[in-house]
Amino acid sequence: MTRIRAGRPEDVPAVLELLDDAVAWLVSLGRTDQWGTRPLSANPRRVALTEEQARDGELHLAVDGDLVVGVLGVGGATEYVPPAVEPELYVRLLVTRRAYAAKGVGSFLLDHARRLARERGVGLLRVDCFASEDRALVGYYERQGFTATDRFEVTLASGQVWQGQVLAQRLG
């Protein structure tokens, strides 16, 4: 049975493994414009961010027994998106183990994010994602009850322009 527990610093390798597996899966699909082709565990910035999230209590893990099957990272909005005009909880990371993707782990983690927001007295949950031409990931979040709001671009160190979409959900 899948349950959610707080992420700890010692969970960082498992989180990075899930991210690396997601990159490999995206590469196998030819979708290299989302997260590139290199393992995210080789990116010092990603490693540092993951370690920071674990230290700050911002990681929440979906686990099946001892196996980490999904990761939710929450906190404040990233610097590259338009700021919210009200208090919010921002989903900074959502990734699932491929073998569990069709088992609703992502939805389970987003439900947890909604609970966290309500517990904190926050009525707005936002997330951003890659805005591919087919809008596959945007569509996923829309099916989860989010509404697309702001589009944005980030120029990567490589010079590539990454297209993003912010989505928001009002919590009652």
C-alpha atoms as a PDB file:
ATOM      1  CA  MET A   1       0.000   0.000   0.000  1.00  0.00           C
ATOM      2  CA  THR A   2       1.354   3.405  -0.945  1.00  0.00           C
ATOM      3  CA  ARG A   3       1.672   5.982   1.821  1.00  0.00           C
ATOM      4  CA  ILE A   4       3.232   9.427   2.112  1.00  0.00           C
ATOM      5  CA  ARG A   5       6.021  10.306   4.476  1.00  0.00           C
ATOM      6  CA  ALA A   6       8.245  13.313   4.966  1.00  0.00           C
ATOM      7  CA  GLY A   7      11.420  13.337   2.919  1.00  0.00           C
ATOM      8  CA  ARG A   8      14.723  13.438   4.789  1.00  0.00           C
ATOM      9  CA  PRO A   9      18.281  14.306   3.723  1.00  0.00           C
ATOM     10  CA  GLU A  10      19.107  10.620   3.443  1.00  0.00           C
ATOM     11  CA  ASP A  11      16.348  10.313   0.802  1.00  0.00           C
ATOM     12  CA  VAL A  12      18.143  12.619  -1.648  1.00  0.00           C
ATOM     13  CA  PRO A  13      19.787   9.726  -3.590  1.00  0.00           C
ATOM     14  CA  ALA A  14      16.383   8.052  -4.089  1.00  0.00           C
ATOM     15  CA  VAL A  15      14.863  11.339  -5.285  1.00  0.00           C
ATOM     16  CA  LEU A  16      17.730  11.876  -7.724  1.00  0.00           C
ATOM     17  CA  GLU A  17      17.331   8.293  -8.961  1.00  0.00           C
ATOM     18  CA  LEU A  18      13.668   8.985  -9.789  1.00  0.00           C
ATOM     19  CA  LEU A  19      14.650  12.171 -11.606  1.00  0.00           C
ATOM     20  CA  ASP A  20      17.352  10.331 -13.573  1.00  0.00           C
ATOM     21  CA  ASP A  21      14.872   7.601 -14.509  1.00  0.00           C
ATOM     22  CA  ALA A  22      12.412  10.257 -15.682  1.00  0.00           C
ATOM     23  CA  VAL A  23      15.094  11.869 -17.865  1.00  0.00           C
ATOM     24  CA  ALA A  24      15.993   8.486 -19.372  1.00  0.00           C
ATOM     25  CA  TRP A  25      12.320   7.789 -20.094  1.00  0.00           C
ATOM     26  CA  LEU A  26      11.837  11.213 -21.712  1.00  0.00           C
ATOM     27  CA  VAL A  27      14.966  10.667 -23.829  1.00  0.00           C
ATOM     28  CA  SER A  28      13.613   7.269 -24.931  1.00  0.00           C
ATOM     29  CA  LEU A  29      10.515   9.093 -26.183  1.00  0.00           C
ATOM     30  CA  GLY A  30      12.585  11.718 -27.992  1.00  0.00           C
ATOM     31  CA  ARG A  31      11.391  14.412 -25.576  1.00  0.00           C
ATOM     32  CA  THR A  32      14.804  15.864 -24.803  1.00  0.00           C
ATOM     33  CA  ASP A  33      13.585  19.468 -24.690  1.00  0.00           C
ATOM     34  CA  GLN A  34      11.914  19.028 -21.299  1.00  0.00           C
ATOM     35  CA  TRP A  35      14.792  17.979 -19.021  1.00  0.00           C
ATOM     36  CA  GLY A  36      17.637  17.460 -21.483  1.00  0.00           C
ATOM     37  CA  THR A  37      19.612  14.270 -21.976  1.00  0.00           C
ATOM     38  CA  ARG A  38      21.961  14.191 -18.977  1.00  0.00           C
ATOM     39  CA  PRO A  39      21.049  12.650 -15.630  1.00  0.00           C
ATOM     40  CA  LEU A  40      19.844  15.348 -13.235  1.00  0.00           C
ATOM     41  CA  SER A  41      22.018  13.788 -10.533  1.00  0.00           C
ATOM     42  CA  ALA A  42      24.990  15.139 -12.530  1.00  0.00           C
ATOM     43  CA  ASN A  43      23.645  18.691 -12.232  1.00  0.00           C
ATOM     44  CA  PRO A  44      25.130  20.308  -9.092  1.00  0.00           C
ATOM     45  CA  ARG A  45      22.320  22.880  -8.998  1.00  0.00           C
ATOM     46  CA  ARG A  46      19.626  20.164  -9.021  1.00  0.00           C
ATOM     47  CA  VAL A  47      21.463  18.171  -6.351  1.00  0.00           C
ATOM     48  CA  ALA A  48      21.808  21.263  -4.132  1.00  0.00           C
ATOM     49  CA  LEU A  49      18.131  22.168  -4.617  1.00  0.00           C
ATOM     50  CA  THR A  50      17.056  18.632  -3.709  1.00  0.00           C
ATOM     51  CA  GLU A  51      19.273  18.644  -0.620  1.00  0.00           C
ATOM     52  CA  GLU A  52      17.856  22.033   0.403  1.00  0.00           C
ATOM     53  CA  GLN A  53      14.271  20.844  -0.040  1.00  0.00           C
ATOM     54  CA  ALA A  54      14.997  17.762   2.071  1.00  0.00           C
ATOM     55  CA  ARG A  55      16.589  19.861   4.851  1.00  0.00           C
ATOM     56  CA  ASP A  56      13.736  22.374   4.801  1.00  0.00           C
ATOM     57  CA  GLY A  57      10.982  19.751   5.054  1.00  0.00           C
ATOM     58  CA  GLU A  58       9.656  20.512   1.570  1.00  0.00           C
ATOM     59  CA  LEU A  59       9.912  16.951   0.200  1.00  0.00           C
ATOM     60  CA  HIS A  60       7.110  14.447   0.594  1.00  0.00           C
ATOM     61  CA  LEU A  61       7.649  10.889  -0.600  1.00  0.00           C
ATOM     62  CA  ALA A  62       5.150   8.337  -1.797  1.00  0.00           C
ATOM     63  CA  VAL A  63       6.503   4.990  -0.658  1.00  0.00           C
ATOM     64  CA  ASP A  64       5.449   1.421  -1.278  1.00  0.00           C
ATOM     65  CA  GLY A  65       7.076  -0.487   1.558  1.00  0.00           C
ATOM     66  CA  ASP A  66      10.609   0.935   1.533  1.00  0.00           C
ATOM     67  CA  LEU A  67      10.547   1.830  -2.174  1.00  0.00           C
ATOM     68  CA  VAL A  68      10.194   5.512  -3.077  1.00  0.00           C
ATOM     69  CA  VAL A  69       7.622   5.589  -5.890  1.00  0.00           C
ATOM     70  CA  GLY A  70       6.973   9.319  -6.119  1.00  0.00           C
ATOM     71  CA  VAL A  71       8.197  12.677  -4.892  1.00  0.00           C
ATOM     72  CA  LEU A  72       6.382  15.931  -4.203  1.00  0.00           C
ATOM     73  CA  GLY A  73       8.364  19.080  -3.515  1.00  0.00           C
ATOM     74  CA  VAL A  74       6.482  22.139  -2.261  1.00  0.00           C
ATOM     75  CA  GLY A  75       7.406  25.617  -1.146  1.00  0.00           C
ATOM     76  CA  GLY A  76       7.453  29.105  -2.567  1.00  0.00           C
ATOM     77  CA  ALA A  77       7.164  29.881  -6.258  1.00  0.00           C
ATOM     78  CA  THR A  78      10.248  29.713  -8.399  1.00  0.00           C
ATOM     79  CA  GLU A  79      11.892  32.986  -9.398  1.00  0.00           C
ATOM     80  CA  TYR A  80      11.066  32.606 -13.096  1.00  0.00           C
ATOM     81  CA  VAL A  81       7.270  32.665 -12.777  1.00  0.00           C
ATOM     82  CA  PRO A  82       4.988  35.639 -12.165  1.00  0.00           C
ATOM     83  CA  PRO A  83       4.383  36.010  -8.418  1.00  0.00           C
ATOM     84  CA  ALA A  84       0.988  35.210  -6.954  1.00  0.00           C
ATOM     85  CA  VAL A  85      -1.039  38.099  -5.578  1.00  0.00           C
ATOM     86  CA  GLU A  86      -2.123  36.054  -2.561  1.00  0.00           C
ATOM     87  CA  PRO A  87      -0.632  33.410  -0.272  1.00  0.00           C
ATOM     88  CA  GLU A  88      -0.028  30.128  -2.056  1.00  0.00           C
ATOM     89  CA  LEU A  89       1.622  26.746  -1.902  1.00  0.00           C
ATOM     90  CA  TYR A  90       3.737  25.996  -4.951  1.00  0.00           C
ATOM     91  CA  VAL A  91       4.426  22.529  -6.297  1.00  0.00           C
ATOM     92  CA  ARG A  92       8.126  22.693  -7.165  1.00  0.00           C
ATOM     93  CA  LEU A  93       8.600  19.021  -8.017  1.00  0.00           C
ATOM     94  CA  LEU A  94       6.368  16.106  -8.931  1.00  0.00           C
ATOM     95  CA  VAL A  95       7.884  12.906 -10.268  1.00  0.00           C
ATOM     96  CA  THR A  96       6.852   9.269 -10.090  1.00  0.00           C
ATOM     97  CA  ARG A  97       8.556   5.958 -10.705  1.00  0.00           C
ATOM     98  CA  ARG A  98       7.605   4.871 -14.221  1.00  0.00           C
ATOM     99  CA  ALA A  99       6.243   1.501 -13.073  1.00  0.00           C
ATOM    100  CA  TYR A 100       3.835   3.387 -10.779  1.00  0.00           C
ATOM    101  CA  ALA A 101       2.813   6.182 -13.143  1.00  0.00           C
ATOM    102  CA  ALA A 102      -0.456   4.523 -14.135  1.00  0.00           C
ATOM    103  CA  LYS A 103      -1.276   3.709 -10.505  1.00  0.00           C
ATOM    104  CA  GLY A 104      -2.299   7.250  -9.589  1.00  0.00           C
ATOM    105  CA  VAL A 105       0.787   8.155  -7.563  1.00  0.00           C
ATOM    106  CA  GLY A 106       0.923  11.642  -9.086  1.00  0.00           C
ATOM    107  CA  SER A 107      -2.722  12.276  -8.183  1.00  0.00           C
ATOM    108  CA  PHE A 108      -2.087  10.892  -4.691  1.00  0.00           C
ATOM    109  CA  LEU A 109       0.798  13.332  -4.207  1.00  0.00           C
ATOM    110  CA  LEU A 110      -1.207  16.281  -5.572  1.00  0.00           C
ATOM    111  CA  ASP A 111      -4.002  15.428  -3.127  1.00  0.00           C
ATOM    112  CA  HIS A 112      -1.359  15.609  -0.402  1.00  0.00           C
ATOM    113  CA  ALA A 113      -0.292  19.052  -1.675  1.00  0.00           C
ATOM    114  CA  ARG A 114      -3.904  20.197  -1.456  1.00  0.00           C
ATOM    115  CA  ARG A 115      -4.094  18.942   2.155  1.00  0.00           C
ATOM    116  CA  LEU A 116      -0.861  20.746   3.017  1.00  0.00           C
ATOM    117  CA  ALA A 117      -2.175  23.984   1.538  1.00  0.00           C
ATOM    118  CA  ARG A 118      -5.430  23.744   3.466  1.00  0.00           C
ATOM    119  CA  GLU A 119      -3.576  22.947   6.699  1.00  0.00           C
ATOM    120  CA  ARG A 120      -1.540  26.112   6.152  1.00  0.00           C
ATOM    121  CA  GLY A 121      -4.674  28.158   5.498  1.00  0.00           C
ATOM    122  CA  VAL A 122      -3.734  28.745   1.864  1.00  0.00           C
ATOM    123  CA  GLY A 123      -6.405  28.846  -0.831  1.00  0.00           C
ATOM    124  CA  LEU A 124      -4.162  28.731  -3.912  1.00  0.00           C
ATOM    125  CA  LEU A 125      -2.058  25.857  -5.211  1.00  0.00           C
ATOM    126  CA  ARG A 126       0.164  26.527  -8.212  1.00  0.00           C
ATOM    127  CA  VAL A 127       2.559  24.495 -10.311  1.00  0.00           C
ATOM    128  CA  ASP A 128       4.556  25.037 -13.464  1.00  0.00           C
ATOM    129  CA  CYS A 129       5.562  22.573 -16.107  1.00  0.00           C
ATOM    130  CA  PHE A 130       7.114  22.205 -19.513  1.00  0.00           C
ATOM    131  CA  ALA A 131       4.789  23.508 -22.221  1.00  0.00           C
ATOM    132  CA  SER A 132       5.500  21.219 -25.158  1.00  0.00           C
ATOM    133  CA  GLU A 133       3.731  21.748 -28.468  1.00  0.00           C
ATOM    134  CA  ASP A 134       1.378  18.851 -27.698  1.00  0.00           C
ATOM    135  CA  ARG A 135       0.738  20.259 -24.192  1.00  0.00           C
ATOM    136  CA  ALA A 136       0.857  16.720 -22.758  1.00  0.00           C
ATOM    137  CA  LEU A 137       2.046  17.734 -19.294  1.00  0.00           C
ATOM    138  CA  VAL A 138      -0.197  20.809 -19.232  1.00  0.00           C
ATOM    139  CA  GLY A 139      -3.105  18.490 -20.049  1.00  0.00           C
ATOM    140  CA  TYR A 140      -2.163  16.198 -17.173  1.00  0.00           C
ATOM    141  CA  TYR A 141      -2.370  19.062 -14.679  1.00  0.00           C
ATOM    142  CA  GLU A 142      -5.626  20.294 -16.208  1.00  0.00           C
ATOM    143  CA  ARG A 143      -7.083  16.808 -15.696  1.00  0.00           C
ATOM    144  CA  GLN A 144      -5.956  17.151 -12.061  1.00  0.00           C
ATOM    145  CA  GLY A 145      -8.146  20.254 -11.663  1.00  0.00           C
ATOM    146  CA  PHE A 146      -5.620  22.994 -12.456  1.00  0.00           C
ATOM    147  CA  THR A 147      -6.244  25.861 -14.869  1.00  0.00           C
ATOM    148  CA  ALA A 148      -3.503  27.162 -17.155  1.00  0.00           C
ATOM    149  CA  THR A 149      -2.631  30.779 -16.351  1.00  0.00           C
ATOM    150  CA  ASP A 150       0.702  32.379 -17.300  1.00  0.00           C
ATOM    151  CA  ARG A 151       3.118  31.241 -20.008  1.00  0.00           C
ATOM    152  CA  PHE A 152       6.794  31.973 -19.485  1.00  0.00           C
ATOM    153  CA  GLU A 153      10.213  31.296 -20.977  1.00  0.00           C
ATOM    154  CA  VAL A 154      13.534  30.509 -19.346  1.00  0.00           C
ATOM    155  CA  THR A 155      16.793  30.828 -21.238  1.00  0.00           C
ATOM    156  CA  LEU A 156      19.006  27.940 -20.173  1.00  0.00           C
ATOM    157  CA  ALA A 157      22.797  28.065 -19.840  1.00  0.00           C
ATOM    158  CA  SER A 158      22.977  26.287 -23.208  1.00  0.00           C
ATOM    159  CA  GLY A 159      21.089  29.178 -24.814  1.00  0.00           C
ATOM    160  CA  GLN A 160      18.025  26.984 -25.382  1.00  0.00           C
ATOM    161  CA  VAL A 161      14.717  28.629 -24.517  1.00  0.00           C
ATOM    162  CA  TRP A 162      12.564  26.465 -22.250  1.00  0.00           C
ATOM    163  CA  GLN A 163       8.808  27.042 -22.625  1.00  0.00           C
ATOM    164  CA  GLY A 164       6.816  26.856 -19.419  1.00  0.00           C
ATOM    165  CA  GLN A 165       3.227  27.035 -18.268  1.00  0.00           C
ATOM    166  CA  VAL A 166       1.958  28.040 -14.823  1.00  0.00           C
ATOM    167  CA  LEU A 167      -1.226  26.366 -13.656  1.00  0.00           C
ATOM    168  CA  ALA A 168      -3.345  27.252 -10.639  1.00  0.00           C
ATOM    169  CA  GLN A 169      -6.032  25.599  -8.567  1.00  0.00           C
ATOM    170  CA  ARG A 170      -8.308  27.308  -6.070  1.00  0.00           C
ATOM    171  CA  LEU A 171      -8.919  25.311  -2.939  1.00  0.00           C
ATOM    172  CA  GLY A 172     -12.220  25.526  -1.137  1.00  0.00           C
END
